[in-house]
Amino acid sequence: MSLSEKQRNEILNWILDNVRSHPNDIASLAQSKYHLSRITINKYLQKLINEKKILTEGNTRNRTYILLPLAVFEKSYEITQNLAEDRVWRNDILPLLTGQNENILRICEYGFSEIFNNAIDHSEGKTITVKIELFPDQVAMIIRDDGIGIFNKIAKECQLEDPYTAILELSKGKLTTQPESHTGEGIFFTSRMFDTFYILSHKLLFGSAEKIDILLEDDEELEGTLVSMEISPSSTRTTQQVFDEYSEVDRGFDKTVVPVSLVKYGNENLVSRSQAKRMLNRLEKFKVVALDFKGIDEIGRAFTDETFRVFANAHPEMKLIPINITDSIKKLINEIVENNDKGK
């Protein structure tokens, strides 16, 4: 039985949507999903190769399929007083995104504008390079400057101990080296609007993918700062949804989530009051704070007491909410809180 044009297009689009995550077994998966022969699926793959939508590498047994971009844009901009993110967006970037859904356009505009402006105002560099790649399943934007590096900049200007502490502070939001002209909200909200977001500077990579925070250290050093943002064209997320998620009614940016794992240095345990104070620094700026203990199995009594008794008592107007906690952490927190309530 021959397939209709609609069915053939469905198969082609499914391959394009899934080849990135299944570069080695996309043929067998498609064969199983649509109950077609290997020869038939190979014809669809060959059609996409001929249309330059995918690329193949390797021999028949070890063949890998690579998704090719539909369009690529790359340009460098000299940082001058006349450089403005809105003009770059309007003249160079927006025309590339024609046809994208309105919510995707708004997210891309917000993220591009915030990161490009940060590079202009904060990088202390000479050049900003922008690369945009459009795929059937992804809009990818990279913005790179040749400046001092964002983590080093924050550590220096905010008088922090090191770049690791700068990353912890950056993850909380409301952090800026120029409070007179910036709110410190841009990176926080941008990182939550896109499916994948990361910042690479010198040897450190910090970001998030699928709501999982990542902090890695590489042997190779990248000068300046590189920011990568990716989102699926089919995403239904909106800028307003993200703003609302971290806002009380009519209160603006009053909620945040702190990845507790960023407090740790290497394999150390979270046991001291000093560690807790580093985690709690500047959190009085928020009304609701979720402390995300994902990846943390245990914490010490002093760390717990400083957080859930001392700090909580000093800020009774704040909601301090532990999330993703183990049973042992929950038990310790409850014990500290119950003893605190009895002492009042």
C-alpha atoms as a PDB file:
ATOM      1  CA  MET A   1       0.000   0.000   0.000  1.00  0.00           C
ATOM      2  CA  SER A   2       1.428   3.341  -1.029  1.00  0.00           C
ATOM      3  CA  LEU A   3       1.629   6.153   1.510  1.00  0.00           C
ATOM      4  CA  SER A   4      -0.115   9.482   1.087  1.00  0.00           C
ATOM      5  CA  GLU A   5       1.863  12.680   0.755  1.00  0.00           C
ATOM      6  CA  LYS A   6       0.807  13.629   4.277  1.00  0.00           C
ATOM      7  CA  GLN A   7       2.161  10.334   5.638  1.00  0.00           C
ATOM      8  CA  ARG A   8       5.435  10.701   3.731  1.00  0.00           C
ATOM      9  CA  ASN A   9       5.917  14.229   5.079  1.00  0.00           C
ATOM     10  CA  GLU A  10       5.172  12.985   8.579  1.00  0.00           C
ATOM     11  CA  ILE A  11       7.975  10.413   8.299  1.00  0.00           C
ATOM     12  CA  LEU A  12      10.429  12.962   6.917  1.00  0.00           C
ATOM     13  CA  ASN A  13       9.609  15.449   9.682  1.00  0.00           C
ATOM     14  CA  TRP A  14       9.866  12.767  12.357  1.00  0.00           C
ATOM     15  CA  ILE A  15      13.344  11.860  11.151  1.00  0.00           C
ATOM     16  CA  LEU A  16      14.398  15.519  11.223  1.00  0.00           C
ATOM     17  CA  ASP A  17      12.991  15.955  14.737  1.00  0.00           C
ATOM     18  CA  ASN A  18      14.769  12.882  16.106  1.00  0.00           C
ATOM     19  CA  VAL A  19      18.024  12.464  14.195  1.00  0.00           C
ATOM     20  CA  ARG A  20      19.927  14.778  16.567  1.00  0.00           C
ATOM     21  CA  SER A  21      19.221  12.553  19.577  1.00  0.00           C
ATOM     22  CA  HIS A  22      19.543   9.287  17.602  1.00  0.00           C
ATOM     23  CA  PRO A  23      22.356   9.820  15.074  1.00  0.00           C
ATOM     24  CA  ASN A  24      23.343   6.137  14.949  1.00  0.00           C
ATOM     25  CA  ASP A  25      20.018   4.314  15.148  1.00  0.00           C
ATOM     26  CA  ILE A  26      17.537   6.707  13.519  1.00  0.00           C
ATOM     27  CA  ALA A  27      16.931   4.242  10.648  1.00  0.00           C
ATOM     28  CA  SER A  28      15.983   1.335  12.903  1.00  0.00           C
ATOM     29  CA  LEU A  29      13.796   3.560  15.086  1.00  0.00           C
ATOM     30  CA  ALA A  30      11.930   4.920  12.073  1.00  0.00           C
ATOM     31  CA  GLN A  31      11.529   1.400  10.686  1.00  0.00           C
ATOM     32  CA  SER A  32      10.019   0.225  13.990  1.00  0.00           C
ATOM     33  CA  LYS A  33       7.768   3.258  14.453  1.00  0.00           C
ATOM     34  CA  TYR A  34       6.231   3.219  10.983  1.00  0.00           C
ATOM     35  CA  HIS A  35       6.419  -0.554  10.313  1.00  0.00           C
ATOM     36  CA  LEU A  36       8.280  -0.034   7.059  1.00  0.00           C
ATOM     37  CA  SER A  37      11.174  -1.930   5.503  1.00  0.00           C
ATOM     38  CA  ARG A  38      14.762  -0.832   5.941  1.00  0.00           C
ATOM     39  CA  ILE A  39      14.960  -0.192   2.193  1.00  0.00           C
ATOM     40  CA  THR A  40      11.986   2.191   2.374  1.00  0.00           C
ATOM     41  CA  ILE A  41      13.408   4.102   5.360  1.00  0.00           C
ATOM     42  CA  ASN A  42      16.761   4.392   3.602  1.00  0.00           C
ATOM     43  CA  LYS A  43      14.974   6.049   0.685  1.00  0.00           C
ATOM     44  CA  TYR A  44      13.610   8.693   3.048  1.00  0.00           C
ATOM     45  CA  LEU A  45      17.059   9.212   4.530  1.00  0.00           C
ATOM     46  CA  GLN A  46      18.581   9.527   1.078  1.00  0.00           C
ATOM     47  CA  LYS A  47      15.944  12.108   0.142  1.00  0.00           C
ATOM     48  CA  LEU A  48      16.944  14.232   3.151  1.00  0.00           C
ATOM     49  CA  ILE A  49      20.627  13.819   2.223  1.00  0.00           C
ATOM     50  CA  ASN A  50      19.919  14.951  -1.341  1.00  0.00           C
ATOM     51  CA  GLU A  51      18.033  17.980   0.003  1.00  0.00           C
ATOM     52  CA  LYS A  52      21.061  18.785   2.208  1.00  0.00           C
ATOM     53  CA  LYS A  53      18.999  18.536   5.380  1.00  0.00           C
ATOM     54  CA  ILE A  54      21.122  15.776   6.889  1.00  0.00           C
ATOM     55  CA  LEU A  55      24.668  14.565   6.394  1.00  0.00           C
ATOM     56  CA  THR A  56      25.980  11.019   6.712  1.00  0.00           C
ATOM     57  CA  GLU A  57      29.371   9.861   7.949  1.00  0.00           C
ATOM     58  CA  GLY A  58      30.953   6.428   8.257  1.00  0.00           C
ATOM     59  CA  ASN A  59      30.324   3.130   6.499  1.00  0.00           C
ATOM     60  CA  THR A  60      27.073   1.174   6.417  1.00  0.00           C
ATOM     61  CA  ARG A  61      27.616  -0.605   9.724  1.00  0.00           C
ATOM     62  CA  ASN A  62      28.789   2.491  11.654  1.00  0.00           C
ATOM     63  CA  ARG A  63      26.845   5.138   9.785  1.00  0.00           C
ATOM     64  CA  THR A  64      26.049   8.358  11.607  1.00  0.00           C
ATOM     65  CA  TYR A  65      23.483  10.916  10.480  1.00  0.00           C
ATOM     66  CA  ILE A  66      24.050  14.588  11.275  1.00  0.00           C
ATOM     67  CA  LEU A  67      21.334  17.224  11.167  1.00  0.00           C
ATOM     68  CA  LEU A  68      22.316  20.204   9.019  1.00  0.00           C
ATOM     69  CA  PRO A  69      21.099  23.754   9.705  1.00  0.00           C
ATOM     70  CA  LEU A  70      18.478  25.279   7.457  1.00  0.00           C
ATOM     71  CA  ALA A  71      20.248  28.630   7.717  1.00  0.00           C
ATOM     72  CA  VAL A  72      23.430  29.995   9.308  1.00  0.00           C
ATOM     73  CA  PHE A  73      24.322  33.581  10.153  1.00  0.00           C
ATOM     74  CA  GLU A  74      27.637  34.741  11.614  1.00  0.00           C
ATOM     75  CA  LYS A  75      28.918  38.273  12.036  1.00  0.00           C
ATOM     76  CA  SER A  76      31.309  40.212  14.271  1.00  0.00           C
ATOM     77  CA  TYR A  77      30.572  43.671  15.650  1.00  0.00           C
ATOM     78  CA  GLU A  78      33.063  46.198  16.954  1.00  0.00           C
ATOM     79  CA  ILE A  79      32.102  47.496  20.377  1.00  0.00           C
ATOM     80  CA  THR A  80      31.663  51.245  19.997  1.00  0.00           C
ATOM     81  CA  GLN A  81      29.386  53.901  21.479  1.00  0.00           C
ATOM     82  CA  ASN A  82      27.112  53.504  18.460  1.00  0.00           C
ATOM     83  CA  LEU A  83      26.630  49.740  18.794  1.00  0.00           C
ATOM     84  CA  ALA A  84      23.086  48.976  19.986  1.00  0.00           C
ATOM     85  CA  GLU A  85      21.454  45.587  20.504  1.00  0.00           C
ATOM     86  CA  ASP A  86      18.040  46.689  19.205  1.00  0.00           C
ATOM     87  CA  ARG A  87      19.442  47.714  15.823  1.00  0.00           C
ATOM     88  CA  VAL A  88      21.425  44.487  15.483  1.00  0.00           C
ATOM     89  CA  TRP A  89      18.311  42.492  16.363  1.00  0.00           C
ATOM     90  CA  ARG A  90      16.066  44.411  13.983  1.00  0.00           C
ATOM     91  CA  ASN A  91      18.451  44.561  11.020  1.00  0.00           C
ATOM     92  CA  ASP A  92      20.379  41.271  11.213  1.00  0.00           C
ATOM     93  CA  ILE A  93      18.677  38.716  13.474  1.00  0.00           C
ATOM     94  CA  LEU A  94      14.928  39.173  13.133  1.00  0.00           C
ATOM     95  CA  PRO A  95      14.895  38.626   9.324  1.00  0.00           C
ATOM     96  CA  LEU A  96      16.474  35.176   9.902  1.00  0.00           C
ATOM     97  CA  LEU A  97      13.626  34.156  12.200  1.00  0.00           C
ATOM     98  CA  THR A  98      10.776  34.970   9.834  1.00  0.00           C
ATOM     99  CA  GLY A  99       8.095  32.312  10.182  1.00  0.00           C
ATOM    100  CA  GLN A 100       8.850  31.390  13.798  1.00  0.00           C
ATOM    101  CA  ASN A 101       5.952  31.447  16.254  1.00  0.00           C
ATOM    102  CA  GLU A 102       5.408  34.703  18.128  1.00  0.00           C
ATOM    103  CA  ASN A 103       6.371  33.211  21.510  1.00  0.00           C
ATOM    104  CA  ILE A 104       9.691  31.980  20.065  1.00  0.00           C
ATOM    105  CA  LEU A 105      10.394  35.405  18.552  1.00  0.00           C
ATOM    106  CA  ARG A 106       9.762  37.109  21.897  1.00  0.00           C
ATOM    107  CA  ILE A 107      12.008  34.683  23.779  1.00  0.00           C
ATOM    108  CA  CYS A 108      14.794  35.041  21.205  1.00  0.00           C
ATOM    109  CA  GLU A 109      14.493  38.824  21.224  1.00  0.00           C
ATOM    110  CA  TYR A 110      14.631  38.966  25.019  1.00  0.00           C
ATOM    111  CA  GLY A 111      17.592  36.597  25.299  1.00  0.00           C
ATOM    112  CA  PHE A 112      19.554  38.140  22.435  1.00  0.00           C
ATOM    113  CA  SER A 113      18.997  41.697  23.658  1.00  0.00           C
ATOM    114  CA  GLU A 114      19.982  40.943  27.258  1.00  0.00           C
ATOM    115  CA  ILE A 115      23.138  38.987  26.433  1.00  0.00           C
ATOM    116  CA  PHE A 116      24.302  41.283  23.617  1.00  0.00           C
ATOM    117  CA  ASN A 117      23.776  44.357  25.804  1.00  0.00           C
ATOM    118  CA  ASN A 118      25.678  42.716  28.663  1.00  0.00           C
ATOM    119  CA  ALA A 119      28.606  42.205  26.298  1.00  0.00           C
ATOM    120  CA  ILE A 120      28.487  45.867  25.256  1.00  0.00           C
ATOM    121  CA  ASP A 121      28.257  47.262  28.790  1.00  0.00           C
ATOM    122  CA  HIS A 122      30.243  44.784  30.887  1.00  0.00           C
ATOM    123  CA  SER A 123      32.718  42.727  28.844  1.00  0.00           C
ATOM    124  CA  GLU A 124      35.473  45.346  28.504  1.00  0.00           C
ATOM    125  CA  GLY A 125      36.135  43.736  25.135  1.00  0.00           C
ATOM    126  CA  LYS A 126      36.554  45.050  21.613  1.00  0.00           C
ATOM    127  CA  THR A 127      34.398  42.670  19.569  1.00  0.00           C
ATOM    128  CA  ILE A 128      31.156  40.704  19.835  1.00  0.00           C
ATOM    129  CA  THR A 129      30.587  37.744  17.495  1.00  0.00           C
ATOM    130  CA  VAL A 130      27.080  36.421  16.865  1.00  0.00           C
ATOM    131  CA  LYS A 131      26.229  33.062  15.327  1.00  0.00           C
ATOM    132  CA  ILE A 132      22.667  31.940  14.601  1.00  0.00           C
ATOM    133  CA  GLU A 133      21.804  28.440  13.367  1.00  0.00           C
ATOM    134  CA  LEU A 134      18.277  27.420  12.418  1.00  0.00           C
ATOM    135  CA  PHE A 135      17.413  23.716  12.494  1.00  0.00           C
ATOM    136  CA  PRO A 136      14.043  22.018  11.991  1.00  0.00           C
ATOM    137  CA  ASP A 137      14.038  21.193  15.699  1.00  0.00           C
ATOM    138  CA  GLN A 138      16.034  24.040  17.179  1.00  0.00           C
ATOM    139  CA  VAL A 139      16.889  27.740  17.110  1.00  0.00           C
ATOM    140  CA  ALA A 140      20.471  28.142  18.341  1.00  0.00           C
ATOM    141  CA  MET A 141      22.109  31.458  19.211  1.00  0.00           C
ATOM    142  CA  ILE A 142      25.709  32.006  20.283  1.00  0.00           C
ATOM    143  CA  ILE A 143      27.042  35.377  21.456  1.00  0.00           C
ATOM    144  CA  ARG A 144      30.751  35.666  22.222  1.00  0.00           C
ATOM    145  CA  ASP A 145      32.914  38.582  23.305  1.00  0.00           C
ATOM    146  CA  ASP A 146      36.682  38.916  23.722  1.00  0.00           C
ATOM    147  CA  GLY A 147      36.581  40.695  27.056  1.00  0.00           C
ATOM    148  CA  ILE A 148      37.613  40.048  30.649  1.00  0.00           C
ATOM    149  CA  GLY A 149      35.232  37.112  31.181  1.00  0.00           C
ATOM    150  CA  ILE A 150      31.932  37.313  33.022  1.00  0.00           C
ATOM    151  CA  PHE A 151      32.857  35.228  36.071  1.00  0.00           C
ATOM    152  CA  ASN A 152      36.116  37.093  36.641  1.00  0.00           C
ATOM    153  CA  LYS A 153      34.302  40.412  36.103  1.00  0.00           C
ATOM    154  CA  ILE A 154      31.653  39.628  38.702  1.00  0.00           C
ATOM    155  CA  ALA A 155      34.212  38.327  41.204  1.00  0.00           C
ATOM    156  CA  LYS A 156      36.308  41.478  40.801  1.00  0.00           C
ATOM    157  CA  GLU A 157      33.530  44.092  40.809  1.00  0.00           C
ATOM    158  CA  CYS A 158      31.481  42.459  43.591  1.00  0.00           C
ATOM    159  CA  GLN A 159      34.572  41.660  45.677  1.00  0.00           C
ATOM    160  CA  LEU A 160      33.862  37.954  45.729  1.00  0.00           C
ATOM    161  CA  GLU A 161      36.308  35.245  46.688  1.00  0.00           C
ATOM    162  CA  ASP A 162      36.624  33.582  43.278  1.00  0.00           C
ATOM    163  CA  PRO A 163      34.776  32.821  40.016  1.00  0.00           C
ATOM    164  CA  TYR A 164      32.963  29.882  41.658  1.00  0.00           C
ATOM    165  CA  THR A 165      31.341  32.241  44.142  1.00  0.00           C
ATOM    166  CA  ALA A 166      30.484  34.532  41.231  1.00  0.00           C
ATOM    167  CA  ILE A 167      28.619  31.656  39.563  1.00  0.00           C
ATOM    168  CA  LEU A 168      26.685  30.943  42.768  1.00  0.00           C
ATOM    169  CA  GLU A 169      25.659  34.603  43.014  1.00  0.00           C
ATOM    170  CA  LEU A 170      24.778  34.753  39.327  1.00  0.00           C
ATOM    171  CA  SER A 171      22.469  31.737  39.694  1.00  0.00           C
ATOM    172  CA  LYS A 172      20.397  33.567  42.323  1.00  0.00           C
ATOM    173  CA  GLY A 173      19.505  36.532  40.119  1.00  0.00           C
ATOM    174  CA  LYS A 174      19.420  40.265  40.887  1.00  0.00           C
ATOM    175  CA  LEU A 175      23.191  40.472  40.506  1.00  0.00           C
ATOM    176  CA  THR A 176      24.768  43.315  38.563  1.00  0.00           C
ATOM    177  CA  THR A 177      28.070  45.180  38.582  1.00  0.00           C
ATOM    178  CA  GLN A 178      26.239  48.353  37.483  1.00  0.00           C
ATOM    179  CA  PRO A 179      23.136  48.698  39.706  1.00  0.00           C
ATOM    180  CA  GLU A 180      22.541  52.237  38.493  1.00  0.00           C
ATOM    181  CA  SER A 181      21.784  51.011  34.961  1.00  0.00           C
ATOM    182  CA  HIS A 182      21.039  47.252  35.229  1.00  0.00           C
ATOM    183  CA  THR A 183      18.637  45.205  37.361  1.00  0.00           C
ATOM    184  CA  GLY A 184      20.590  41.953  37.235  1.00  0.00           C
ATOM    185  CA  GLU A 185      17.542  40.049  35.984  1.00  0.00           C
ATOM    186  CA  GLY A 186      18.489  39.439  32.345  1.00  0.00           C
ATOM    187  CA  ILE A 187      20.699  36.360  32.630  1.00  0.00           C
ATOM    188  CA  PHE A 188      18.438  34.773  35.253  1.00  0.00           C
ATOM    189  CA  PHE A 189      15.293  35.001  33.121  1.00  0.00           C
ATOM    190  CA  THR A 190      17.070  34.220  29.846  1.00  0.00           C
ATOM    191  CA  SER A 191      18.477  30.998  31.304  1.00  0.00           C
ATOM    192  CA  ARG A 192      14.947  29.885  32.165  1.00  0.00           C
ATOM    193  CA  MET A 193      13.295  30.845  28.890  1.00  0.00           C
ATOM    194  CA  PHE A 194      15.496  28.680  26.674  1.00  0.00           C
ATOM    195  CA  ASP A 195      15.588  24.871  26.622  1.00  0.00           C
ATOM    196  CA  THR A 196      19.355  24.922  26.952  1.00  0.00           C
ATOM    197  CA  PHE A 197      21.466  27.812  28.225  1.00  0.00           C
ATOM    198  CA  TYR A 198      25.118  27.935  29.186  1.00  0.00           C
ATOM    199  CA  ILE A 199      27.932  30.400  29.762  1.00  0.00           C
ATOM    200  CA  LEU A 200      31.530  29.447  29.027  1.00  0.00           C
ATOM    201  CA  SER A 201      34.341  31.684  30.256  1.00  0.00           C
ATOM    202  CA  HIS A 202      37.995  30.802  30.766  1.00  0.00           C
ATOM    203  CA  LYS A 203      37.869  27.241  32.150  1.00  0.00           C
ATOM    204  CA  LEU A 204      34.372  27.278  33.628  1.00  0.00           C
ATOM    205  CA  LEU A 205      31.056  26.309  32.039  1.00  0.00           C
ATOM    206  CA  PHE A 206      27.835  27.074  33.864  1.00  0.00           C
ATOM    207  CA  GLY A 207      24.309  26.623  32.593  1.00  0.00           C
ATOM    208  CA  SER A 208      21.179  24.529  32.545  1.00  0.00           C
ATOM    209  CA  ALA A 209      19.527  21.945  30.335  1.00  0.00           C
ATOM    210  CA  GLU A 210      16.121  20.415  31.011  1.00  0.00           C
ATOM    211  CA  LYS A 211      16.040  22.310  34.334  1.00  0.00           C
ATOM    212  CA  ILE A 212      19.251  20.638  35.501  1.00  0.00           C
ATOM    213  CA  ASP A 213      22.052  23.013  36.500  1.00  0.00           C
ATOM    214  CA  ILE A 214      25.538  22.229  35.226  1.00  0.00           C
ATOM    215  CA  LEU A 215      28.950  23.429  36.422  1.00  0.00           C
ATOM    216  CA  LEU A 216      32.010  22.006  34.688  1.00  0.00           C
ATOM    217  CA  GLU A 217      35.709  22.846  34.599  1.00  0.00           C
ATOM    218  CA  ASP A 218      37.667  22.234  31.410  1.00  0.00           C
ATOM    219  CA  ASP A 219      41.404  22.000  30.795  1.00  0.00           C
ATOM    220  CA  GLU A 220      41.170  24.357  27.832  1.00  0.00           C
ATOM    221  CA  GLU A 221      40.774  28.064  28.501  1.00  0.00           C
ATOM    222  CA  LEU A 222      38.404  30.273  26.503  1.00  0.00           C
ATOM    223  CA  GLU A 223      39.170  33.980  26.594  1.00  0.00           C
ATOM    224  CA  GLY A 224      36.218  36.291  27.052  1.00  0.00           C
ATOM    225  CA  THR A 225      32.678  34.950  27.394  1.00  0.00           C
ATOM    226  CA  LEU A 226      30.574  32.672  25.203  1.00  0.00           C
ATOM    227  CA  VAL A 227      26.824  32.371  25.792  1.00  0.00           C
ATOM    228  CA  SER A 228      24.813  29.655  24.043  1.00  0.00           C
ATOM    229  CA  MET A 229      20.990  29.603  23.932  1.00  0.00           C
ATOM    230  CA  GLU A 230      18.814  26.947  22.278  1.00  0.00           C
ATOM    231  CA  ILE A 231      15.049  26.514  22.020  1.00  0.00           C
ATOM    232  CA  SER A 232      12.713  24.248  20.077  1.00  0.00           C
ATOM    233  CA  PRO A 233      10.505  26.064  17.526  1.00  0.00           C
ATOM    234  CA  SER A 234       7.592  23.982  18.810  1.00  0.00           C
ATOM    235  CA  SER A 235       7.989  25.141  22.413  1.00  0.00           C
ATOM    236  CA  THR A 236       4.858  26.709  23.881  1.00  0.00           C
ATOM    237  CA  ARG A 237       6.777  28.561  26.590  1.00  0.00           C
ATOM    238  CA  THR A 238       6.299  32.331  26.746  1.00  0.00           C
ATOM    239  CA  THR A 239       8.262  35.165  28.294  1.00  0.00           C
ATOM    240  CA  GLN A 240       5.303  36.048  30.499  1.00  0.00           C
ATOM    241  CA  GLN A 241       5.038  32.498  31.849  1.00  0.00           C
ATOM    242  CA  VAL A 242       8.665  32.665  32.956  1.00  0.00           C
ATOM    243  CA  PHE A 243       8.245  36.112  34.521  1.00  0.00           C
ATOM    244  CA  ASP A 244       5.129  34.928  36.364  1.00  0.00           C
ATOM    245  CA  GLU A 245       6.875  31.794  37.643  1.00  0.00           C
ATOM    246  CA  TYR A 246       9.327  33.931  39.606  1.00  0.00           C
ATOM    247  CA  SER A 247       7.008  36.765  40.579  1.00  0.00           C
ATOM    248  CA  GLU A 248       4.479  37.356  43.324  1.00  0.00           C
ATOM    249  CA  VAL A 249       1.366  39.238  42.228  1.00  0.00           C
ATOM    250  CA  ASP A 250       2.346  42.866  41.499  1.00  0.00           C
ATOM    251  CA  ARG A 251       5.695  42.366  43.231  1.00  0.00           C
ATOM    252  CA  GLY A 252       7.999  41.754  40.306  1.00  0.00           C
ATOM    253  CA  PHE A 253      11.011  39.432  40.572  1.00  0.00           C
ATOM    254  CA  ASP A 254      10.516  38.121  44.127  1.00  0.00           C
ATOM    255  CA  LYS A 255      11.117  34.366  43.761  1.00  0.00           C
ATOM    256  CA  THR A 256      14.311  32.496  43.034  1.00  0.00           C
ATOM    257  CA  VAL A 257      15.781  29.002  43.063  1.00  0.00           C
ATOM    258  CA  VAL A 258      19.278  28.407  44.427  1.00  0.00           C
ATOM    259  CA  PRO A 259      21.167  25.255  43.320  1.00  0.00           C
ATOM    260  CA  VAL A 260      22.707  24.263  46.668  1.00  0.00           C
ATOM    261  CA  SER A 261      25.303  22.098  44.883  1.00  0.00           C
ATOM    262  CA  LEU A 262      27.011  25.304  43.688  1.00  0.00           C
ATOM    263  CA  VAL A 263      27.994  26.068  47.280  1.00  0.00           C
ATOM    264  CA  LYS A 264      30.360  23.092  47.317  1.00  0.00           C
ATOM    265  CA  TYR A 265      34.004  23.211  46.281  1.00  0.00           C
ATOM    266  CA  GLY A 266      34.978  19.887  44.744  1.00  0.00           C
ATOM    267  CA  ASN A 267      34.018  16.916  46.915  1.00  0.00           C
ATOM    268  CA  GLU A 268      33.612  18.803  50.173  1.00  0.00           C
ATOM    269  CA  ASN A 269      30.512  18.290  52.313  1.00  0.00           C
ATOM    270  CA  LEU A 270      28.069  21.008  53.350  1.00  0.00           C
ATOM    271  CA  VAL A 271      28.687  21.159  57.078  1.00  0.00           C
ATOM    272  CA  SER A 272      29.707  24.678  58.123  1.00  0.00           C
ATOM    273  CA  ARG A 273      27.967  27.945  58.935  1.00  0.00           C
ATOM    274  CA  SER A 274      30.307  29.745  56.538  1.00  0.00           C
ATOM    275  CA  GLN A 275      29.038  27.625  53.656  1.00  0.00           C
ATOM    276  CA  ALA A 276      25.447  28.380  54.649  1.00  0.00           C
ATOM    277  CA  LYS A 277      26.170  32.122  54.840  1.00  0.00           C
ATOM    278  CA  ARG A 278      27.676  32.013  51.346  1.00  0.00           C
ATOM    279  CA  MET A 279      24.556  30.282  50.058  1.00  0.00           C
ATOM    280  CA  LEU A 280      22.245  32.758  51.832  1.00  0.00           C
ATOM    281  CA  ASN A 281      24.087  35.898  50.759  1.00  0.00           C
ATOM    282  CA  ARG A 282      21.725  38.486  49.157  1.00  0.00           C
ATOM    283  CA  LEU A 283      18.670  36.233  49.489  1.00  0.00           C
ATOM    284  CA  GLU A 284      16.965  38.886  51.611  1.00  0.00           C
ATOM    285  CA  LYS A 285      16.188  40.552  48.267  1.00  0.00           C
ATOM    286  CA  PHE A 286      13.531  37.885  47.620  1.00  0.00           C
ATOM    287  CA  LYS A 287      10.196  36.981  49.188  1.00  0.00           C
ATOM    288  CA  VAL A 288      10.285  33.289  48.249  1.00  0.00           C
ATOM    289  CA  VAL A 289      13.480  31.225  47.979  1.00  0.00           C
ATOM    290  CA  ALA A 290      13.589  27.580  46.950  1.00  0.00           C
ATOM    291  CA  LEU A 291      16.805  25.853  48.003  1.00  0.00           C
ATOM    292  CA  ASP A 292      17.319  23.040  45.509  1.00  0.00           C
ATOM    293  CA  PHE A 293      19.186  20.145  47.154  1.00  0.00           C
ATOM    294  CA  LYS A 294      19.315  18.044  43.988  1.00  0.00           C
ATOM    295  CA  GLY A 295      22.504  15.968  44.070  1.00  0.00           C
ATOM    296  CA  ILE A 296      23.054  16.570  47.812  1.00  0.00           C
ATOM    297  CA  ASP A 297      22.668  13.479  49.991  1.00  0.00           C
ATOM    298  CA  GLU A 298      23.509  14.895  53.415  1.00  0.00           C
ATOM    299  CA  ILE A 299      24.170  18.227  55.148  1.00  0.00           C
ATOM    300  CA  GLY A 300      25.675  19.031  58.532  1.00  0.00           C
ATOM    301  CA  ARG A 301      23.874  20.292  61.633  1.00  0.00           C
ATOM    302  CA  ALA A 302      25.667  23.666  61.707  1.00  0.00           C
ATOM    303  CA  PHE A 303      24.843  24.270  58.004  1.00  0.00           C
ATOM    304  CA  THR A 304      21.212  23.365  58.659  1.00  0.00           C
ATOM    305  CA  ASP A 305      20.913  25.456  61.825  1.00  0.00           C
ATOM    306  CA  GLU A 306      22.390  28.549  60.164  1.00  0.00           C
ATOM    307  CA  THR A 307      19.955  28.216  57.276  1.00  0.00           C
ATOM    308  CA  PHE A 308      16.668  27.106  58.794  1.00  0.00           C
ATOM    309  CA  ARG A 309      16.919  28.686  62.269  1.00  0.00           C
ATOM    310  CA  VAL A 310      19.328  31.632  62.334  1.00  0.00           C
ATOM    311  CA  PHE A 311      18.613  33.011  58.872  1.00  0.00           C
ATOM    312  CA  ALA A 312      14.925  32.083  58.976  1.00  0.00           C
ATOM    313  CA  ASN A 313      14.466  33.875  62.312  1.00  0.00           C
ATOM    314  CA  ALA A 314      16.246  36.953  60.984  1.00  0.00           C
ATOM    315  CA  HIS A 315      13.947  37.057  57.942  1.00  0.00           C
ATOM    316  CA  PRO A 316      10.473  35.968  59.111  1.00  0.00           C
ATOM    317  CA  GLU A 317       8.847  37.637  56.097  1.00  0.00           C
ATOM    318  CA  MET A 318      10.622  35.250  53.701  1.00  0.00           C
ATOM    319  CA  LYS A 319       9.460  31.794  52.639  1.00  0.00           C
ATOM    320  CA  LEU A 320      12.472  29.465  52.628  1.00  0.00           C
ATOM    321  CA  ILE A 321      11.527  26.239  50.858  1.00  0.00           C
ATOM    322  CA  PRO A 322      13.832  23.187  50.581  1.00  0.00           C
ATOM    323  CA  ILE A 323      13.174  21.085  47.474  1.00  0.00           C
ATOM    324  CA  ASN A 324      14.554  17.778  46.141  1.00  0.00           C
ATOM    325  CA  ILE A 325      15.673  16.746  49.635  1.00  0.00           C
ATOM    326  CA  THR A 326      16.567  13.264  50.842  1.00  0.00           C
ATOM    327  CA  ASP A 327      14.835  11.706  53.826  1.00  0.00           C
ATOM    328  CA  SER A 328      17.890  12.336  56.040  1.00  0.00           C
ATOM    329  CA  ILE A 329      18.025  16.023  55.105  1.00  0.00           C
ATOM    330  CA  LYS A 330      14.273  16.366  55.653  1.00  0.00           C
ATOM    331  CA  LYS A 331      14.574  14.740  59.072  1.00  0.00           C
ATOM    332  CA  LEU A 332      17.381  17.086  60.137  1.00  0.00           C
ATOM    333  CA  ILE A 333      15.572  20.209  58.893  1.00  0.00           C
ATOM    334  CA  ASN A 334      12.378  19.183  60.701  1.00  0.00           C
ATOM    335  CA  GLU A 335      14.320  18.596  63.911  1.00  0.00           C
ATOM    336  CA  ILE A 336      15.968  22.032  63.728  1.00  0.00           C
ATOM    337  CA  VAL A 337      12.649  23.767  62.944  1.00  0.00           C
ATOM    338  CA  GLU A 338      10.717  21.914  65.666  1.00  0.00           C
ATOM    339  CA  ASN A 339      13.349  22.726  68.315  1.00  0.00           C
ATOM    340  CA  ASN A 340      13.288  26.351  67.160  1.00  0.00           C
ATOM    341  CA  ASP A 341       9.481  26.497  67.523  1.00  0.00           C
ATOM    342  CA  LYS A 342       9.644  25.003  71.021  1.00  0.00           C
ATOM    343  CA  GLY A 343      12.142  27.650  72.085  1.00  0.00           C
ATOM    344  CA  LYS A 344       9.930  30.555  71.071  1.00  0.00           C
END
